[in-house]
Amino acid sequence: MVRVFGMAESGNCYKVKLLLSQLGQPFEWIETDNTKGATRTDEFLRMNPNGKVPTLEISPGVYLPESNAILCYLAEGTPYWPSQKMQRARALQWMFFEQYSHEPYVAVARFILFFLKQPQHAELAEKQRRGHLALAVMEQQLAQEPYFAGENYCIADIALYAYTHVAGEGGIDLAGYPAIGAWMARVKSQPGHVPMRG
């Protein structure tokens, strides 16, 4: 059984929990709160020198960090990883987008408000503005196709859903994005879906 070192309120950790649940794969969750220094211990840093969650323990002494790398590893050979070359490339395109153009803004705005509880934070407005830019790109894609790699739900959708569905906790209103709203409903209806909390 794999073990996940993760933090329940983290979108990046939720990605891993969601895919494992949808795969029906048993796993052990080890709550690891990085806001309280749990990822900076010598023991944790031997598993992941970058000191971040999620970190997947595949077998004793074999660890894989980085949420999207974990998604690719777990989805290999399953319907959640597209079988066609172009669809796989498109899935990766959106997963790279998530880490570079989405997560640094949508997730960080949420961190500032939800974790730090600092509505007057100097960077909040700019993070929200850039978050809306990312959401506009997503809205354009989802107005054309039901999922990010085309007709089928895959790990690109999991990667983008994780922080998008809680964007409101960062003061980013999703009301102006009807295609994203419809897509989130499709994601929630997928077999094996579990919420971030609970």
N, C-alpha and C. Protein backbone atom coordinates (compact mmCIF):
# COMPACT_ATOMS: atom_id res chain seq x y z
N MET A 1 0.85 -1.19 0.00
CA MET A 1 0.00 0.00 0.00
C MET A 1 0.89 1.24 0.00
N VAL A 2 0.56 2.19 -0.89
CA VAL A 2 1.32 3.43 -0.91
C VAL A 2 0.94 4.29 0.29
N ARG A 3 1.86 5.18 0.65
CA ARG A 3 1.60 6.13 1.73
C ARG A 3 1.73 7.54 1.15
N VAL A 4 0.81 8.41 1.56
CA VAL A 4 0.83 9.80 1.12
C VAL A 4 1.10 10.68 2.31
N PHE A 5 2.20 11.41 2.24
CA PHE A 5 2.48 12.45 3.22
C PHE A 5 1.85 13.72 2.67
N GLY A 6 0.78 14.17 3.30
CA GLY A 6 0.04 15.29 2.75
C GLY A 6 -0.66 16.10 3.82
N MET A 7 -1.13 17.25 3.39
CA MET A 7 -1.86 18.16 4.27
C MET A 7 -3.27 18.29 3.73
N ALA A 8 -4.25 18.01 4.56
CA ALA A 8 -5.63 17.89 4.10
C ALA A 8 -6.15 19.14 3.40
N GLU A 9 -5.73 20.32 3.82
CA GLU A 9 -6.25 21.56 3.23
C GLU A 9 -5.46 22.02 2.00
N SER A 10 -4.46 21.26 1.60
CA SER A 10 -3.65 21.62 0.44
C SER A 10 -4.27 21.09 -0.84
N GLY A 11 -4.44 21.97 -1.82
CA GLY A 11 -4.94 21.53 -3.12
C GLY A 11 -4.00 20.57 -3.79
N ASN A 12 -2.69 20.80 -3.69
CA ASN A 12 -1.74 19.89 -4.32
C ASN A 12 -1.84 18.49 -3.72
N CYS A 13 -2.07 18.40 -2.43
CA CYS A 13 -2.23 17.09 -1.78
C CYS A 13 -3.59 16.47 -2.14
N TYR A 14 -4.59 17.32 -2.25
CA TYR A 14 -5.93 16.83 -2.62
C TYR A 14 -5.91 16.15 -3.98
N LYS A 15 -5.10 16.65 -4.91
CA LYS A 15 -5.00 16.00 -6.23
C LYS A 15 -4.71 14.52 -6.07
N VAL A 16 -3.74 14.20 -5.23
CA VAL A 16 -3.30 12.82 -5.05
C VAL A 16 -4.40 12.00 -4.38
N LYS A 17 -5.01 12.57 -3.36
CA LYS A 17 -6.11 11.88 -2.67
C LYS A 17 -7.26 11.60 -3.63
N LEU A 18 -7.59 12.57 -4.48
CA LEU A 18 -8.71 12.41 -5.40
C LEU A 18 -8.42 11.30 -6.41
N LEU A 19 -7.23 11.32 -7.01
CA LEU A 19 -6.93 10.28 -8.00
C LEU A 19 -6.89 8.90 -7.36
N LEU A 20 -6.24 8.77 -6.22
CA LEU A 20 -6.21 7.45 -5.56
C LEU A 20 -7.61 6.96 -5.26
N SER A 21 -8.48 7.86 -4.82
CA SER A 21 -9.86 7.47 -4.52
C SER A 21 -10.58 7.04 -5.79
N GLN A 22 -10.36 7.76 -6.88
CA GLN A 22 -11.03 7.40 -8.13
C GLN A 22 -10.48 6.12 -8.73
N LEU A 23 -9.21 5.83 -8.45
CA LEU A 23 -8.64 4.56 -8.89
C LEU A 23 -9.08 3.40 -8.01
N GLY A 24 -9.65 3.71 -6.85
CA GLY A 24 -10.00 2.65 -5.91
C GLY A 24 -8.77 2.00 -5.30
N GLN A 25 -7.68 2.73 -5.24
CA GLN A 25 -6.42 2.19 -4.74
C GLN A 25 -6.27 2.49 -3.25
N PRO A 26 -6.10 1.48 -2.43
CA PRO A 26 -5.91 1.73 -1.00
C PRO A 26 -4.65 2.55 -0.75
N PHE A 27 -4.70 3.42 0.23
CA PHE A 27 -3.52 4.22 0.57
C PHE A 27 -3.60 4.62 2.03
N GLU A 28 -2.44 4.90 2.58
CA GLU A 28 -2.37 5.42 3.94
C GLU A 28 -2.05 6.90 3.86
N TRP A 29 -2.84 7.71 4.53
CA TRP A 29 -2.64 9.16 4.54
C TRP A 29 -1.94 9.54 5.83
N ILE A 30 -0.82 10.22 5.72
CA ILE A 30 -0.09 10.68 6.89
C ILE A 30 -0.14 12.20 6.89
N GLU A 31 -0.98 12.74 7.76
CA GLU A 31 -1.17 14.19 7.80
C GLU A 31 0.16 14.86 8.19
N THR A 32 0.59 15.77 7.34
CA THR A 32 1.90 16.41 7.49
C THR A 32 1.71 17.90 7.27
N ASP A 33 1.63 18.64 8.35
CA ASP A 33 1.29 20.06 8.28
C ASP A 33 2.56 20.90 8.06
N ASN A 34 2.72 21.36 6.82
CA ASN A 34 3.94 22.12 6.52
C ASN A 34 3.91 23.51 7.13
N THR A 35 2.74 23.98 7.58
CA THR A 35 2.68 25.29 8.22
C THR A 35 3.21 25.24 9.65
N LYS A 36 3.42 24.02 10.15
CA LYS A 36 3.93 23.86 11.52
C LYS A 36 5.31 23.20 11.54
N GLY A 37 5.98 23.23 10.38
CA GLY A 37 7.36 22.74 10.32
C GLY A 37 7.51 21.26 10.11
N ALA A 38 6.42 20.54 9.84
CA ALA A 38 6.50 19.08 9.73
C ALA A 38 7.32 18.61 8.52
N THR A 39 7.47 19.47 7.51
CA THR A 39 8.24 19.06 6.33
C THR A 39 9.70 19.51 6.40
N ARG A 40 10.10 20.11 7.51
CA ARG A 40 11.48 20.58 7.65
C ARG A 40 12.29 19.72 8.61
N THR A 41 11.73 18.63 9.08
CA THR A 41 12.48 17.75 9.97
C THR A 41 13.51 16.96 9.16
N ASP A 42 14.53 16.48 9.83
CA ASP A 42 15.55 15.67 9.14
C ASP A 42 14.93 14.43 8.51
N GLU A 43 13.99 13.82 9.22
CA GLU A 43 13.33 12.61 8.70
C GLU A 43 12.59 12.90 7.40
N PHE A 44 11.82 14.00 7.39
CA PHE A 44 11.07 14.30 6.17
C PHE A 44 12.01 14.71 5.04
N LEU A 45 13.02 15.48 5.34
CA LEU A 45 13.94 15.95 4.29
C LEU A 45 14.72 14.80 3.67
N ARG A 46 14.86 13.69 4.36
CA ARG A 46 15.47 12.51 3.73
C ARG A 46 14.53 11.91 2.68
N MET A 47 13.23 12.09 2.89
CA MET A 47 12.26 11.59 1.91
C MET A 47 12.13 12.56 0.73
N ASN A 48 12.11 13.84 1.04
CA ASN A 48 11.95 14.88 0.02
C ASN A 48 12.81 16.08 0.42
N PRO A 49 13.99 16.19 -0.18
CA PRO A 49 14.90 17.29 0.19
C PRO A 49 14.31 18.68 -0.04
N ASN A 50 13.26 18.77 -0.86
CA ASN A 50 12.62 20.05 -1.10
C ASN A 50 11.67 20.44 0.03
N GLY A 51 11.40 19.51 0.92
CA GLY A 51 10.62 19.82 2.12
C GLY A 51 9.20 20.25 1.83
N LYS A 52 8.51 19.53 0.93
CA LYS A 52 7.13 19.90 0.59
C LYS A 52 6.24 18.68 0.52
N VAL A 53 4.95 18.92 0.71
CA VAL A 53 3.94 17.90 0.48
C VAL A 53 3.17 18.30 -0.78
N PRO A 54 2.63 17.28 -1.48
CA PRO A 54 2.61 15.86 -1.15
C PRO A 54 3.93 15.18 -1.50
N THR A 55 4.18 14.11 -0.77
CA THR A 55 5.25 13.18 -1.10
C THR A 55 4.64 11.78 -1.02
N LEU A 56 4.85 11.01 -2.08
CA LEU A 56 4.30 9.65 -2.15
C LEU A 56 5.39 8.64 -1.82
N GLU A 57 5.11 7.77 -0.88
CA GLU A 57 6.01 6.64 -0.61
C GLU A 57 5.47 5.44 -1.38
N ILE A 58 6.17 5.07 -2.43
CA ILE A 58 5.72 3.99 -3.33
C ILE A 58 5.99 2.63 -2.70
N SER A 59 7.15 2.50 -2.11
CA SER A 59 7.55 1.31 -1.37
C SER A 59 8.58 1.78 -0.35
N PRO A 60 8.92 0.96 0.63
CA PRO A 60 9.84 1.44 1.66
C PRO A 60 11.12 2.04 1.08
N GLY A 61 11.35 3.30 1.37
CA GLY A 61 12.54 3.99 0.91
C GLY A 61 12.46 4.56 -0.49
N VAL A 62 11.33 4.39 -1.18
CA VAL A 62 11.16 4.92 -2.55
C VAL A 62 10.09 6.01 -2.50
N TYR A 63 10.51 7.25 -2.74
CA TYR A 63 9.64 8.40 -2.59
C TYR A 63 9.53 9.18 -3.89
N LEU A 64 8.34 9.74 -4.12
CA LEU A 64 8.12 10.59 -5.28
C LEU A 64 7.41 11.86 -4.82
N PRO A 65 8.07 13.02 -4.94
CA PRO A 65 7.42 14.29 -4.62
C PRO A 65 6.82 14.92 -5.87
N GLU A 66 6.22 16.08 -5.69
CA GLU A 66 5.61 16.91 -6.74
C GLU A 66 4.27 16.32 -7.19
N SER A 67 3.22 17.06 -6.92
CA SER A 67 1.86 16.55 -7.12
C SER A 67 1.59 16.07 -8.55
N ASN A 68 2.00 16.83 -9.55
CA ASN A 68 1.68 16.43 -10.92
C ASN A 68 2.51 15.25 -11.39
N ALA A 69 3.74 15.12 -10.88
CA ALA A 69 4.53 13.93 -11.17
C ALA A 69 3.86 12.70 -10.56
N ILE A 70 3.34 12.87 -9.34
CA ILE A 70 2.64 11.77 -8.68
C ILE A 70 1.40 11.37 -9.48
N LEU A 71 0.65 12.37 -9.98
CA LEU A 71 -0.53 12.05 -10.80
C LEU A 71 -0.13 11.23 -12.02
N CYS A 72 0.94 11.63 -12.71
CA CYS A 72 1.38 10.89 -13.90
C CYS A 72 1.77 9.47 -13.53
N TYR A 73 2.47 9.31 -12.44
CA TYR A 73 2.90 7.97 -12.01
C TYR A 73 1.69 7.09 -11.71
N LEU A 74 0.78 7.61 -10.93
CA LEU A 74 -0.37 6.80 -10.51
C LEU A 74 -1.33 6.50 -11.66
N ALA A 75 -1.43 7.42 -12.61
CA ALA A 75 -2.40 7.27 -13.70
C ALA A 75 -1.90 6.39 -14.84
N GLU A 76 -0.61 6.09 -14.85
CA GLU A 76 -0.04 5.27 -15.93
C GLU A 76 -0.83 3.98 -16.08
N GLY A 77 -1.26 3.70 -17.32
CA GLY A 77 -1.98 2.47 -17.60
C GLY A 77 -3.45 2.48 -17.19
N THR A 78 -3.98 3.65 -16.84
CA THR A 78 -5.37 3.77 -16.45
C THR A 78 -6.08 4.75 -17.39
N PRO A 79 -7.41 4.81 -17.36
CA PRO A 79 -8.14 5.77 -18.21
C PRO A 79 -7.86 7.23 -17.87
N TYR A 80 -7.25 7.48 -16.72
CA TYR A 80 -6.98 8.87 -16.32
C TYR A 80 -5.75 9.46 -17.00
N TRP A 81 -5.00 8.62 -17.71
CA TRP A 81 -3.85 9.07 -18.49
C TRP A 81 -4.15 8.73 -19.94
N PRO A 82 -4.38 9.74 -20.80
CA PRO A 82 -4.83 9.46 -22.17
C PRO A 82 -3.90 8.49 -22.91
N SER A 83 -4.51 7.66 -23.73
CA SER A 83 -3.74 6.65 -24.46
C SER A 83 -3.13 7.21 -25.74
N GLN A 84 -3.71 8.27 -26.29
CA GLN A 84 -3.20 8.83 -27.54
C GLN A 84 -2.15 9.90 -27.26
N LYS A 85 -1.14 9.93 -28.12
CA LYS A 85 0.02 10.81 -27.92
C LYS A 85 -0.37 12.28 -27.80
N MET A 86 -1.23 12.76 -28.69
CA MET A 86 -1.59 14.17 -28.67
C MET A 86 -2.40 14.51 -27.42
N GLN A 87 -3.29 13.62 -27.02
CA GLN A 87 -4.07 13.86 -25.81
C GLN A 87 -3.18 13.90 -24.57
N ARG A 88 -2.16 13.02 -24.54
CA ARG A 88 -1.22 13.05 -23.43
C ARG A 88 -0.47 14.38 -23.40
N ALA A 89 -0.05 14.83 -24.57
CA ALA A 89 0.66 16.11 -24.64
C ALA A 89 -0.23 17.25 -24.19
N ARG A 90 -1.50 17.22 -24.56
CA ARG A 90 -2.43 18.27 -24.13
C ARG A 90 -2.66 18.21 -22.63
N ALA A 91 -2.74 17.00 -22.08
CA ALA A 91 -2.87 16.88 -20.63
C ALA A 91 -1.67 17.52 -19.94
N LEU A 92 -0.49 17.23 -20.44
CA LEU A 92 0.72 17.82 -19.85
C LEU A 92 0.74 19.33 -20.04
N GLN A 93 0.29 19.79 -21.20
CA GLN A 93 0.22 21.24 -21.45
C GLN A 93 -0.56 21.93 -20.33
N TRP A 94 -1.72 21.37 -20.00
CA TRP A 94 -2.56 21.99 -18.98
C TRP A 94 -2.01 21.79 -17.57
N MET A 95 -1.29 20.70 -17.35
CA MET A 95 -0.68 20.49 -16.04
C MET A 95 0.49 21.45 -15.83
N PHE A 96 1.24 21.74 -16.90
CA PHE A 96 2.29 22.75 -16.81
C PHE A 96 1.67 24.14 -16.60
N PHE A 97 0.58 24.41 -17.31
CA PHE A 97 -0.15 25.66 -17.13
C PHE A 97 -0.59 25.81 -15.67
N GLU A 98 -1.09 24.72 -15.11
CA GLU A 98 -1.57 24.76 -13.72
C GLU A 98 -0.46 25.18 -12.77
N GLN A 99 0.72 24.63 -12.96
CA GLN A 99 1.81 24.92 -12.04
C GLN A 99 2.45 26.28 -12.27
N TYR A 100 2.40 26.78 -13.49
CA TYR A 100 3.11 28.03 -13.81
C TYR A 100 2.18 29.24 -13.86
N SER A 101 0.96 29.06 -14.37
CA SER A 101 0.07 30.20 -14.60
C SER A 101 -1.17 30.24 -13.72
N HIS A 102 -1.42 29.18 -13.00
CA HIS A 102 -2.65 29.06 -12.20
C HIS A 102 -2.33 28.97 -10.70
N GLU A 103 -1.63 27.95 -10.30
CA GLU A 103 -1.35 27.70 -8.88
C GLU A 103 -0.63 28.86 -8.19
N PRO A 104 0.36 29.52 -8.85
CA PRO A 104 1.05 30.62 -8.16
C PRO A 104 0.15 31.81 -7.83
N TYR A 105 -1.03 31.86 -8.42
CA TYR A 105 -1.94 32.99 -8.21
C TYR A 105 -3.20 32.56 -7.47
N VAL A 106 -3.91 31.58 -8.00
CA VAL A 106 -5.15 31.12 -7.36
C VAL A 106 -4.85 30.51 -5.99
N ALA A 107 -3.85 29.63 -5.94
CA ALA A 107 -3.52 28.99 -4.67
C ALA A 107 -2.90 29.96 -3.68
N VAL A 108 -2.06 30.86 -4.17
CA VAL A 108 -1.40 31.80 -3.25
C VAL A 108 -2.40 32.81 -2.69
N ALA A 109 -3.35 33.26 -3.53
CA ALA A 109 -4.41 34.13 -2.99
C ALA A 109 -5.17 33.42 -1.89
N ARG A 110 -5.46 32.15 -2.10
CA ARG A 110 -6.14 31.36 -1.07
C ARG A 110 -5.27 31.24 0.18
N PHE A 111 -3.98 31.02 -0.01
CA PHE A 111 -3.09 30.91 1.15
C PHE A 111 -3.11 32.19 1.98
N ILE A 112 -3.08 33.33 1.29
CA ILE A 112 -3.05 34.61 1.99
C ILE A 112 -4.31 34.81 2.83
N LEU A 113 -5.47 34.48 2.25
CA LEU A 113 -6.73 34.71 2.97
C LEU A 113 -7.09 33.56 3.91
N PHE A 114 -6.95 32.33 3.44
CA PHE A 114 -7.43 31.17 4.20
C PHE A 114 -6.48 30.78 5.31
N PHE A 115 -5.18 30.79 5.03
CA PHE A 115 -4.21 30.37 6.02
C PHE A 115 -3.66 31.56 6.83
N LEU A 116 -3.21 32.59 6.12
CA LEU A 116 -2.63 33.74 6.80
C LEU A 116 -3.68 34.69 7.36
N LYS A 117 -4.87 34.67 6.76
CA LYS A 117 -5.97 35.56 7.16
C LYS A 117 -5.52 37.04 7.15
N GLN A 118 -4.95 37.42 5.99
CA GLN A 118 -4.42 38.78 5.84
C GLN A 118 -5.05 39.47 4.62
N PRO A 119 -6.28 39.93 4.75
CA PRO A 119 -6.95 40.56 3.60
C PRO A 119 -6.27 41.84 3.12
N GLN A 120 -5.42 42.43 3.94
CA GLN A 120 -4.70 43.65 3.53
C GLN A 120 -3.30 43.33 3.00
N HIS A 121 -3.00 42.08 2.78
CA HIS A 121 -1.67 41.67 2.32
C HIS A 121 -1.31 42.40 1.02
N ALA A 122 -0.08 42.87 0.93
CA ALA A 122 0.34 43.70 -0.20
C ALA A 122 0.24 43.00 -1.54
N GLU A 123 0.36 41.68 -1.56
CA GLU A 123 0.38 40.94 -2.83
C GLU A 123 -0.98 40.38 -3.23
N LEU A 124 -1.97 40.47 -2.35
CA LEU A 124 -3.24 39.78 -2.60
C LEU A 124 -3.92 40.23 -3.88
N ALA A 125 -4.06 41.53 -4.10
CA ALA A 125 -4.80 42.02 -5.27
C ALA A 125 -4.14 41.55 -6.57
N GLU A 126 -2.83 41.56 -6.61
CA GLU A 126 -2.13 41.12 -7.84
C GLU A 126 -2.28 39.62 -8.05
N LYS A 127 -2.23 38.85 -6.97
CA LYS A 127 -2.45 37.40 -7.10
C LYS A 127 -3.85 37.13 -7.62
N GLN A 128 -4.84 37.86 -7.11
CA GLN A 128 -6.21 37.67 -7.58
C GLN A 128 -6.34 38.07 -9.05
N ARG A 129 -5.73 39.17 -9.42
CA ARG A 129 -5.80 39.62 -10.82
C ARG A 129 -5.21 38.57 -11.75
N ARG A 130 -4.04 38.05 -11.40
CA ARG A 130 -3.41 37.04 -12.24
C ARG A 130 -4.20 35.73 -12.21
N GLY A 131 -4.83 35.45 -11.09
CA GLY A 131 -5.70 34.28 -11.02
C GLY A 131 -6.85 34.38 -12.00
N HIS A 132 -7.45 35.56 -12.09
CA HIS A 132 -8.53 35.75 -13.06
C HIS A 132 -8.04 35.60 -14.49
N LEU A 133 -6.82 36.01 -14.78
CA LEU A 133 -6.27 35.80 -16.12
C LEU A 133 -6.19 34.31 -16.45
N ALA A 134 -5.74 33.52 -15.49
CA ALA A 134 -5.66 32.07 -15.71
C ALA A 134 -7.05 31.47 -15.89
N LEU A 135 -7.99 31.91 -15.08
CA LEU A 135 -9.35 31.40 -15.20
C LEU A 135 -9.96 31.75 -16.55
N ALA A 136 -9.64 32.91 -17.09
CA ALA A 136 -10.16 33.29 -18.40
C ALA A 136 -9.65 32.35 -19.48
N VAL A 137 -8.39 31.93 -19.37
CA VAL A 137 -7.83 30.97 -20.32
C VAL A 137 -8.56 29.62 -20.20
N MET A 138 -8.79 29.19 -18.98
CA MET A 138 -9.52 27.95 -18.75
C MET A 138 -10.94 28.03 -19.28
N GLU A 139 -11.60 29.15 -19.04
CA GLU A 139 -12.97 29.34 -19.50
C GLU A 139 -13.06 29.20 -21.02
N GLN A 140 -12.10 29.78 -21.71
CA GLN A 140 -12.09 29.70 -23.18
C GLN A 140 -11.97 28.25 -23.64
N GLN A 141 -11.09 27.48 -23.00
CA GLN A 141 -10.93 26.06 -23.37
C GLN A 141 -12.21 25.28 -23.08
N LEU A 142 -12.78 25.49 -21.91
CA LEU A 142 -13.93 24.69 -21.49
C LEU A 142 -15.22 25.10 -22.19
N ALA A 143 -15.22 26.25 -22.83
CA ALA A 143 -16.36 26.62 -23.67
C ALA A 143 -16.36 25.81 -24.96
N GLN A 144 -15.22 25.21 -25.29
CA GLN A 144 -15.09 24.45 -26.54
C GLN A 144 -15.14 22.95 -26.33
N GLU A 145 -14.60 22.48 -25.22
CA GLU A 145 -14.53 21.04 -24.96
C GLU A 145 -14.87 20.77 -23.50
N PRO A 146 -15.37 19.57 -23.19
CA PRO A 146 -15.83 19.31 -21.83
C PRO A 146 -14.70 19.16 -20.81
N TYR A 147 -13.52 18.75 -21.28
CA TYR A 147 -12.40 18.53 -20.38
C TYR A 147 -11.14 19.11 -21.00
N PHE A 148 -10.07 19.15 -20.23
CA PHE A 148 -8.88 19.87 -20.70
C PHE A 148 -8.11 19.13 -21.78
N ALA A 149 -8.19 17.82 -21.82
CA ALA A 149 -7.50 17.09 -22.89
C ALA A 149 -8.47 16.62 -23.96
N GLY A 150 -9.70 17.17 -23.95
CA GLY A 150 -10.66 16.80 -24.99
C GLY A 150 -11.95 16.27 -24.41
N GLU A 151 -12.36 15.11 -24.90
CA GLU A 151 -13.67 14.56 -24.54
C GLU A 151 -13.68 13.81 -23.22
N ASN A 152 -12.50 13.45 -22.73
CA ASN A 152 -12.45 12.57 -21.56
C ASN A 152 -11.76 13.21 -20.36
N TYR A 153 -12.33 12.96 -19.21
CA TYR A 153 -11.76 13.40 -17.93
C TYR A 153 -10.42 12.72 -17.70
N CYS A 154 -9.43 13.48 -17.24
CA CYS A 154 -8.12 12.89 -16.99
C CYS A 154 -7.40 13.67 -15.89
N ILE A 155 -6.13 13.34 -15.68
CA ILE A 155 -5.40 13.96 -14.59
C ILE A 155 -5.19 15.47 -14.78
N ALA A 156 -5.28 15.97 -16.00
CA ALA A 156 -5.21 17.43 -16.19
C ALA A 156 -6.38 18.11 -15.50
N ASP A 157 -7.54 17.47 -15.55
CA ASP A 157 -8.72 18.02 -14.88
C ASP A 157 -8.56 17.97 -13.37
N ILE A 158 -8.00 16.88 -12.86
CA ILE A 158 -7.75 16.78 -11.43
C ILE A 158 -6.80 17.88 -10.99
N ALA A 159 -5.72 18.08 -11.76
CA ALA A 159 -4.72 19.08 -11.41
C ALA A 159 -5.34 20.47 -11.32
N LEU A 160 -6.20 20.82 -12.26
CA LEU A 160 -6.78 22.16 -12.28
C LEU A 160 -7.97 22.31 -11.35
N TYR A 161 -8.68 21.23 -11.10
CA TYR A 161 -9.84 21.29 -10.21
C TYR A 161 -9.42 21.59 -8.77
N ALA A 162 -8.29 21.05 -8.36
CA ALA A 162 -7.90 21.07 -6.94
C ALA A 162 -7.95 22.46 -6.34
N TYR A 163 -7.35 23.44 -7.00
CA TYR A 163 -7.38 24.80 -6.46
C TYR A 163 -8.49 25.64 -7.05
N THR A 164 -8.97 25.30 -8.25
CA THR A 164 -10.05 26.10 -8.84
C THR A 164 -11.31 26.02 -7.99
N HIS A 165 -11.65 24.84 -7.51
CA HIS A 165 -12.94 24.69 -6.82
C HIS A 165 -12.95 25.39 -5.46
N VAL A 166 -11.78 25.77 -4.96
CA VAL A 166 -11.73 26.53 -3.71
C VAL A 166 -11.19 27.95 -3.94
N ALA A 167 -11.26 28.42 -5.18
CA ALA A 167 -10.76 29.76 -5.51
C ALA A 167 -11.46 30.84 -4.69
N GLY A 168 -12.71 30.62 -4.37
CA GLY A 168 -13.46 31.59 -3.57
C GLY A 168 -12.83 31.84 -2.22
N GLU A 169 -12.11 30.85 -1.68
CA GLU A 169 -11.43 31.02 -0.40
C GLU A 169 -10.25 31.98 -0.52
N GLY A 170 -9.88 32.30 -1.75
CA GLY A 170 -8.85 33.30 -2.00
C GLY A 170 -9.43 34.60 -2.51
N GLY A 171 -10.75 34.75 -2.36
CA GLY A 171 -11.41 35.97 -2.81
C GLY A 171 -11.54 36.07 -4.32
N ILE A 172 -11.46 34.94 -5.01
CA ILE A 172 -11.59 34.92 -6.47
C ILE A 172 -12.96 34.34 -6.81
N ASP A 173 -13.85 35.19 -7.25
CA ASP A 173 -15.23 34.82 -7.53
C ASP A 173 -15.32 34.08 -8.86
N LEU A 174 -15.94 32.91 -8.85
CA LEU A 174 -16.07 32.10 -10.07
C LEU A 174 -17.39 32.34 -10.80
N ALA A 175 -18.20 33.25 -10.30
CA ALA A 175 -19.54 33.44 -10.88
C ALA A 175 -19.49 33.85 -12.35
N GLY A 176 -18.45 34.52 -12.76
CA GLY A 176 -18.36 34.97 -14.15
C GLY A 176 -17.80 33.95 -15.10
N TYR A 177 -17.68 32.71 -14.68
CA TYR A 177 -17.08 31.66 -15.50
C TYR A 177 -18.03 30.47 -15.63
N PRO A 178 -19.05 30.60 -16.47
CA PRO A 178 -20.05 29.53 -16.54
C PRO A 178 -19.49 28.19 -17.05
N ALA A 179 -18.55 28.24 -17.97
CA ALA A 179 -17.99 26.98 -18.49
C ALA A 179 -17.18 26.28 -17.40
N ILE A 180 -16.47 27.06 -16.58
CA ILE A 180 -15.75 26.46 -15.46
C ILE A 180 -16.74 25.87 -14.46
N GLY A 181 -17.83 26.57 -14.20
CA GLY A 181 -18.84 26.05 -13.29
C GLY A 181 -19.42 24.72 -13.75
N ALA A 182 -19.71 24.63 -15.06
CA ALA A 182 -20.25 23.39 -15.61
C ALA A 182 -19.21 22.27 -15.55
N TRP A 183 -17.98 22.62 -15.83
CA TRP A 183 -16.88 21.63 -15.76
C TRP A 183 -16.71 21.13 -14.32
N MET A 184 -16.75 22.01 -13.34
CA MET A 184 -16.61 21.57 -11.95
C MET A 184 -17.72 20.60 -11.57
N ALA A 185 -18.91 20.85 -12.08
CA ALA A 185 -20.02 19.92 -11.81
C ALA A 185 -19.74 18.56 -12.46
N ARG A 186 -19.17 18.56 -13.66
CA ARG A 186 -18.82 17.28 -14.31
C ARG A 186 -17.74 16.55 -13.52
N VAL A 187 -16.76 17.29 -13.02
CA VAL A 187 -15.71 16.67 -12.23
C VAL A 187 -16.31 16.04 -10.97
N LYS A 188 -17.18 16.76 -10.29
CA LYS A 188 -17.79 16.24 -9.06
C LYS A 188 -18.64 15.00 -9.30
N SER A 189 -19.13 14.85 -10.53
CA SER A 189 -19.99 13.70 -10.84
C SER A 189 -19.19 12.45 -11.25
N GLN A 190 -17.88 12.56 -11.31
CA GLN A 190 -17.07 11.42 -11.73
C GLN A 190 -17.10 10.32 -10.67
N PRO A 191 -17.09 9.07 -11.11
CA PRO A 191 -17.07 7.96 -10.14
C PRO A 191 -15.87 8.07 -9.20
N GLY A 192 -16.11 7.82 -7.94
CA GLY A 192 -15.02 7.83 -6.95
C GLY A 192 -14.63 9.20 -6.46
N HIS A 193 -15.35 10.24 -6.91
CA HIS A 193 -15.00 11.59 -6.46
C HIS A 193 -15.15 11.70 -4.95
N VAL A 194 -14.17 12.34 -4.34
CA VAL A 194 -14.25 12.65 -2.91
C VAL A 194 -13.97 14.14 -2.73
N PRO A 195 -14.60 14.76 -1.75
CA PRO A 195 -14.33 16.18 -1.51
C PRO A 195 -12.96 16.38 -0.85
N MET A 196 -12.48 17.60 -0.92
CA MET A 196 -11.21 17.93 -0.26
C MET A 196 -11.31 17.69 1.24
N ARG A 197 -12.44 18.09 1.81
CA ARG A 197 -12.64 17.95 3.24
C ARG A 197 -13.62 16.81 3.52
N GLY A 198 -13.25 15.97 4.46
CA GLY A 198 -14.16 14.90 4.82
C GLY A 198 -13.79 13.56 4.24
